[in-house]
Amino acid sequence: MRLWGNYFRVVIVLISFLCLVSVCSNYIIINFTFICMKDDMEGAVDVNGTLKSIYDYTPTEKKYILWAVAFGTMVGTFPINVLYVQYGAKLPFFFAGVLSAVTTGLTPWAAASGSMWIFIALRFLQICDSSLGWKWSFYLHAAACLVVFGVWVLVYKDDPQLHKSVSGKELGRIQKNKSEAHIGHRDGKGKSKLVVPYRSIFLSPVVITVWLCAFTELSTLILIATYAPIYFRSVLGFDANILSFVFFTDKPAVWTESPDVGGVKYSKNSEKDGRRDEERGGDVKI
């Protein structure tokens, strides 16, 4: 009997979660290393008789570095989704992870090169305080990213019917109440036969509302994650190690509350409409 029994899909979810955590950590780490980078006097330059670290960026330079991720995310979202629909999640997600790992690993080199445009370009491609130095924060994050995405590409398959670790019982659960479109049959070249109605999606009031809500929430979270470490360090004088711990402790609360918030359902007011929804497949989850 398999170690995971009929729950291999849980293994996939956990590995996918670690991959997403790794990618998010790769672009957030710069917010903490800004604090340590300015004290690195390696390659310092003389500015009007005063030695200045080449890693001590001006507010304008920091703005461009941080905004590069946002622009990269906006530009990369659509092609990644098109590739996902056409070829499945395995390869597009894996290559996105490798790209994130490579750009993270090259960040110290880009910072030391003295070229802001190289640094910003690497941040675009991504959408400290220790004995090893701030550079190793990027190297270790890049290595961890390659490991988790390596595991992902080895254990994940786009079609559960072709996965040896998925039992017949679990496959039945996965495909229960699924249409052919949900299952996602592909042609001989591995391309999906599913036609996505992008125009209808973009013009749907419900979808637009969800996007606006998500944009508001994510903008707030990203604003806090981006600028709070700098504020806590520069204004309130927190130690970098304590600061990292403080911003990590809020994550379990977010993970715990997310199922409750994400589980809110939309249903009709009248019993008649409610019965009609059940006939169509149940409540509509937002």
Protein backbone atom coordinates (compact mmCIF):
# COMPACT_ATOMS: atom_id res chain seq x y z
CA MET A 1 0.00 0.00 0.00
CA ARG A 2 1.24 3.46 -0.88
CA LEU A 3 2.43 5.73 1.94
CA TRP A 4 -0.11 8.38 0.94
CA GLY A 5 -2.92 5.94 0.22
CA ASN A 6 -5.68 7.56 -1.83
CA TYR A 7 -4.53 11.10 -1.06
CA PHE A 8 -1.67 11.73 -3.46
CA ARG A 9 -3.43 14.92 -4.53
CA VAL A 10 -2.65 16.28 -1.05
CA VAL A 11 1.05 15.69 -1.73
CA ILE A 12 0.73 17.66 -4.98
CA VAL A 13 -1.03 20.52 -3.16
CA LEU A 14 1.71 20.69 -0.51
CA ILE A 15 4.51 20.69 -3.09
CA SER A 16 2.69 23.35 -5.12
CA PHE A 17 2.27 25.41 -1.96
CA LEU A 18 6.01 25.21 -1.24
CA CYS A 19 6.75 26.27 -4.82
CA LEU A 20 4.52 29.33 -4.49
CA VAL A 21 6.06 30.19 -1.11
CA SER A 22 9.51 29.97 -2.67
CA VAL A 23 8.61 32.28 -5.56
CA CYS A 24 7.00 34.82 -3.22
CA SER A 25 10.01 34.66 -0.90
CA ASN A 26 12.35 35.27 -3.83
CA TYR A 27 10.90 38.67 -4.62
CA ILE A 28 10.21 39.70 -1.02
CA ILE A 29 13.74 38.99 0.23
CA ILE A 30 15.00 42.23 -1.33
CA ASN A 31 12.88 44.21 1.14
CA PHE A 32 14.90 42.78 4.05
CA THR A 33 18.30 42.80 2.36
CA PHE A 34 17.99 46.52 1.56
CA ILE A 35 18.55 46.96 5.30
CA CYS A 36 21.81 44.98 5.26
CA MET A 37 23.12 45.96 1.82
CA LYS A 38 23.81 49.59 2.67
CA ASP A 39 26.29 48.52 5.38
CA ASP A 40 28.31 46.42 2.92
CA MET A 41 31.36 48.59 2.13
CA GLU A 42 32.87 46.17 -0.39
CA GLY A 43 33.57 48.20 -3.51
CA ALA A 44 32.65 51.46 -1.75
CA VAL A 45 33.09 54.66 -3.77
CA ASP A 46 34.30 58.09 -2.73
CA VAL A 47 31.54 60.69 -2.90
CA ASN A 48 32.76 64.18 -2.01
CA GLY A 49 35.36 62.78 0.36
CA THR A 50 32.96 60.29 1.99
CA LEU A 51 32.95 56.56 1.38
CA LYS A 52 29.55 55.36 0.23
CA SER A 53 28.42 51.78 -0.30
CA ILE A 54 27.50 50.94 -3.88
CA TYR A 55 24.51 49.09 -2.40
CA ASP A 56 23.14 52.18 -0.61
CA TYR A 57 20.36 53.03 -3.05
CA THR A 58 18.44 56.27 -3.22
CA PRO A 59 14.66 56.24 -2.64
CA THR A 60 14.13 56.65 -6.40
CA GLU A 61 16.36 53.68 -7.21
CA LYS A 62 14.59 51.53 -4.60
CA LYS A 63 11.28 52.53 -6.12
CA TYR A 64 12.32 51.32 -9.57
CA ILE A 65 13.71 48.06 -8.15
CA LEU A 66 10.49 47.32 -6.24
CA TRP A 67 8.16 48.37 -9.02
CA ALA A 68 9.96 46.14 -11.53
CA VAL A 69 8.34 43.08 -9.92
CA ALA A 70 4.86 44.59 -10.25
CA PHE A 71 5.35 45.38 -13.93
CA GLY A 72 6.87 41.97 -14.56
CA THR A 73 3.87 40.31 -12.91
CA MET A 74 1.41 42.25 -15.05
CA VAL A 75 3.28 41.55 -18.28
CA GLY A 76 3.88 37.87 -17.53
CA THR A 77 0.44 36.90 -16.25
CA PHE A 78 -1.33 36.63 -19.61
CA PRO A 79 1.28 34.58 -21.54
CA ILE A 80 1.73 32.21 -18.59
CA ASN A 81 -2.02 31.59 -18.47
CA VAL A 82 -2.15 30.99 -22.23
CA LEU A 83 0.69 28.47 -21.94
CA TYR A 84 -1.06 26.81 -19.00
CA VAL A 85 -4.28 26.37 -20.98
CA GLN A 86 -2.47 25.07 -24.05
CA TYR A 87 0.16 22.83 -22.48
CA GLY A 88 -0.91 22.23 -18.88
CA ALA A 89 0.64 23.42 -15.64
CA LYS A 90 3.73 21.22 -15.43
CA LEU A 91 6.22 22.84 -17.81
CA PRO A 92 5.05 26.52 -17.66
CA PHE A 93 5.06 26.46 -13.86
CA PHE A 94 8.43 24.70 -13.75
CA PHE A 95 10.10 27.15 -16.14
CA ALA A 96 8.63 30.08 -14.20
CA GLY A 97 10.19 28.65 -11.04
CA VAL A 98 13.57 28.11 -12.70
CA LEU A 99 13.48 31.68 -14.02
CA SER A 100 12.72 32.94 -10.52
CA ALA A 101 15.61 30.91 -9.07
CA VAL A 102 18.10 32.06 -11.72
CA THR A 103 17.21 35.74 -11.39
CA THR A 104 17.35 35.50 -7.59
CA GLY A 105 20.79 33.90 -7.73
CA LEU A 106 22.06 36.58 -10.12
CA THR A 107 20.76 39.47 -8.00
CA PRO A 108 23.99 39.96 -5.97
CA TRP A 109 25.99 40.04 -9.21
CA ALA A 110 23.60 42.57 -10.72
CA ALA A 111 23.79 44.74 -7.59
CA ALA A 112 27.61 44.64 -7.65
CA SER A 113 27.79 45.39 -11.39
CA GLY A 114 26.83 49.01 -10.73
CA SER A 115 24.19 48.93 -13.46
CA MET A 116 20.72 49.77 -12.18
CA TRP A 117 19.17 48.56 -15.44
CA ILE A 118 20.60 45.05 -15.04
CA PHE A 119 19.32 44.97 -11.47
CA ILE A 120 15.86 46.17 -12.51
CA ALA A 121 15.76 43.71 -15.42
CA LEU A 122 16.39 40.78 -13.06
CA ARG A 123 13.73 42.06 -10.68
CA PHE A 124 11.36 42.33 -13.63
CA LEU A 125 11.93 38.67 -14.47
CA GLN A 126 11.37 37.43 -10.94
CA ILE A 127 6.28 39.52 -11.96
CA CYS A 128 20.74 39.02 5.55
CA ASP A 129 21.71 39.65 8.61
CA SER A 130 23.94 36.60 9.15
CA SER A 131 27.55 35.52 9.27
CA LEU A 132 27.36 34.59 5.59
CA GLY A 133 26.29 38.07 4.49
CA TRP A 134 23.27 39.39 2.60
CA LYS A 135 24.36 37.84 -0.72
CA TRP A 136 23.85 34.34 0.66
CA SER A 137 20.21 35.18 1.33
CA PHE A 138 19.74 35.23 -2.44
CA TYR A 139 21.91 32.19 -3.10
CA LEU A 140 20.09 30.05 -0.53
CA HIS A 141 16.67 31.21 -1.76
CA ALA A 142 17.66 30.37 -5.33
CA ALA A 143 18.91 26.90 -4.29
CA ALA A 144 15.75 26.17 -2.30
CA CYS A 145 13.63 27.30 -5.25
CA LEU A 146 15.42 24.92 -7.62
CA VAL A 147 14.95 22.03 -5.16
CA VAL A 148 11.20 22.47 -4.66
CA PHE A 149 10.53 23.02 -8.37
CA GLY A 150 12.71 20.02 -9.17
CA VAL A 151 10.49 17.92 -6.92
CA TRP A 152 7.42 19.46 -8.57
CA VAL A 153 8.44 18.54 -12.11
CA LEU A 154 9.26 14.98 -11.01
CA VAL A 155 6.00 14.21 -9.18
CA TYR A 156 3.42 16.27 -11.08
CA LYS A 157 1.56 15.22 -14.23
CA ASP A 158 -1.11 17.24 -15.99
CA ASP A 159 -3.30 14.17 -16.44
CA PRO A 160 -3.95 12.17 -13.22
CA GLN A 161 -5.00 9.20 -15.36
CA LEU A 162 -1.36 8.81 -16.43
CA HIS A 163 0.11 9.11 -12.92
CA LYS A 164 1.14 5.82 -11.32
CA SER A 165 0.78 7.23 -7.81
CA VAL A 166 -2.89 8.08 -8.28
CA SER A 167 -5.06 5.11 -7.38
CA GLY A 168 -8.25 4.23 -9.20
CA LYS A 169 -10.31 5.27 -6.18
CA GLU A 170 -8.62 8.65 -5.97
CA LEU A 171 -8.96 9.18 -9.72
CA GLY A 172 -12.70 8.58 -9.37
CA ARG A 173 -12.87 11.25 -6.67
CA ILE A 174 -10.90 13.72 -8.78
CA GLN A 175 -13.10 13.24 -11.84
CA LYS A 176 -16.41 13.03 -9.97
CA ASN A 177 -19.02 15.43 -11.43
CA LYS A 178 -16.42 16.72 -13.90
CA SER A 179 -17.26 17.41 -17.52
CA GLU A 180 -14.91 16.68 -20.41
CA ALA A 181 -13.87 20.34 -20.34
CA HIS A 182 -12.93 20.06 -16.66
CA ILE A 183 -10.91 16.92 -17.22
CA GLY A 184 -9.06 18.68 -20.03
CA HIS A 185 -8.55 16.19 -22.82
CA ARG A 186 -5.64 16.96 -25.16
CA ASP A 187 -4.79 16.16 -28.75
CA GLY A 188 -1.90 14.02 -29.96
CA LYS A 189 0.54 16.93 -29.63
CA GLY A 190 -0.32 17.52 -25.99
CA LYS A 191 -2.30 20.71 -26.67
CA SER A 192 -5.60 21.33 -24.93
CA LYS A 193 -8.84 21.13 -26.89
CA LEU A 194 -10.43 23.59 -24.48
CA VAL A 195 -11.36 26.99 -25.95
CA VAL A 196 -11.23 29.69 -23.27
CA PRO A 197 -13.82 32.51 -23.75
CA TYR A 198 -11.43 35.33 -22.83
CA ARG A 199 -13.73 38.06 -24.16
CA SER A 200 -16.67 36.87 -22.06
CA ILE A 201 -14.43 36.61 -19.00
CA PHE A 202 -13.03 40.13 -19.42
CA LEU A 203 -16.53 41.60 -19.87
CA SER A 204 -18.17 39.70 -17.00
CA PRO A 205 -19.25 42.07 -14.17
CA VAL A 206 -18.73 39.30 -11.62
CA VAL A 207 -15.17 38.63 -12.79
CA ILE A 208 -14.34 42.34 -12.88
CA THR A 209 -15.67 42.73 -9.33
CA VAL A 210 -13.57 39.83 -8.10
CA TRP A 211 -10.51 41.29 -9.82
CA LEU A 212 -11.05 44.68 -8.19
CA CYS A 213 -11.46 43.10 -4.75
CA ALA A 214 -8.35 40.98 -5.26
CA PHE A 215 -6.41 44.01 -6.53
CA THR A 216 -7.34 46.01 -3.43
CA GLU A 217 -6.40 43.22 -1.03
CA LEU A 218 -3.16 42.26 -2.77
CA SER A 219 -2.08 45.88 -3.19
CA THR A 220 -2.43 46.42 0.55
CA LEU A 221 -0.56 43.23 1.42
CA ILE A 222 2.24 43.97 -1.05
CA LEU A 223 2.52 47.56 0.20
CA ILE A 224 2.93 46.32 3.78
CA ALA A 225 5.34 43.52 2.83
CA THR A 226 7.41 45.91 0.72
CA TYR A 227 7.77 49.01 2.85
CA ALA A 228 7.09 47.86 6.42
CA PRO A 229 10.53 46.20 6.90
CA ILE A 230 12.29 49.41 5.85
CA TYR A 231 10.04 51.51 8.12
CA PHE A 232 10.46 49.21 11.12
CA ARG A 233 14.24 49.18 10.68
CA SER A 234 14.92 52.80 9.75
CA VAL A 235 12.31 54.57 11.89
CA LEU A 236 11.57 52.21 14.79
CA GLY A 237 15.07 50.74 15.00
CA PHE A 238 14.14 47.03 14.99
CA ASP A 239 16.94 44.47 14.64
CA ALA A 240 16.91 42.67 11.27
CA ASN A 241 16.58 39.21 12.87
CA ILE A 242 13.67 40.29 15.07
CA LEU A 243 12.12 42.03 12.08
CA SER A 244 12.20 38.84 10.01
CA PHE A 245 10.55 36.89 12.82
CA VAL A 246 7.82 39.51 13.32
CA PHE A 247 6.84 39.48 9.66
CA PHE A 248 6.86 35.68 9.57
CA THR A 249 4.53 35.23 12.55
CA ASP A 250 1.56 36.80 10.77
CA LYS A 251 1.58 34.13 8.05
CA PRO A 252 0.02 31.29 10.11
CA ALA A 253 -2.88 33.60 10.97
CA VAL A 254 -3.39 34.39 7.28
CA TRP A 255 -3.26 30.71 6.32
CA THR A 256 -5.73 29.83 9.10
CA GLU A 257 -8.23 32.54 8.20
CA SER A 258 -8.01 32.10 4.42
CA PRO A 259 -10.28 29.02 4.23
CA ASP A 260 -12.98 30.87 6.19
CA VAL A 261 -12.77 33.97 4.01
CA GLY A 262 -12.33 32.04 0.77
CA GLY A 263 -15.18 29.69 1.66
CA VAL A 264 -17.86 32.39 1.49
CA LYS A 265 -20.59 31.23 -0.86
CA TYR A 266 -23.07 33.07 -2.98
CA SER A 267 -26.57 31.61 -3.03
CA LYS A 268 -30.03 32.72 -4.11
CA ASN A 269 -32.42 34.19 -1.58
CA SER A 270 -35.47 32.20 -2.43
CA GLU A 271 -35.88 28.49 -1.87
CA LYS A 272 -36.95 28.08 -5.47
CA ASP A 273 -33.72 29.57 -6.78
CA GLY A 274 -31.80 27.56 -4.21
CA ARG A 275 -33.28 24.30 -5.50
CA ARG A 276 -32.50 25.40 -9.04
CA ASP A 277 -28.86 25.99 -8.07
CA GLU A 278 -28.67 22.51 -6.57
CA GLU A 279 -29.95 21.02 -9.81
CA ARG A 280 -27.25 22.93 -11.68
CA GLY A 281 -24.49 21.71 -9.43
CA GLY A 282 -24.83 23.45 -6.06
CA ASP A 283 -23.84 26.83 -4.71
CA VAL A 284 -21.55 29.06 -6.64
CA LYS A 285 -18.29 29.61 -4.83
CA ILE A 286 -16.58 32.96 -5.20
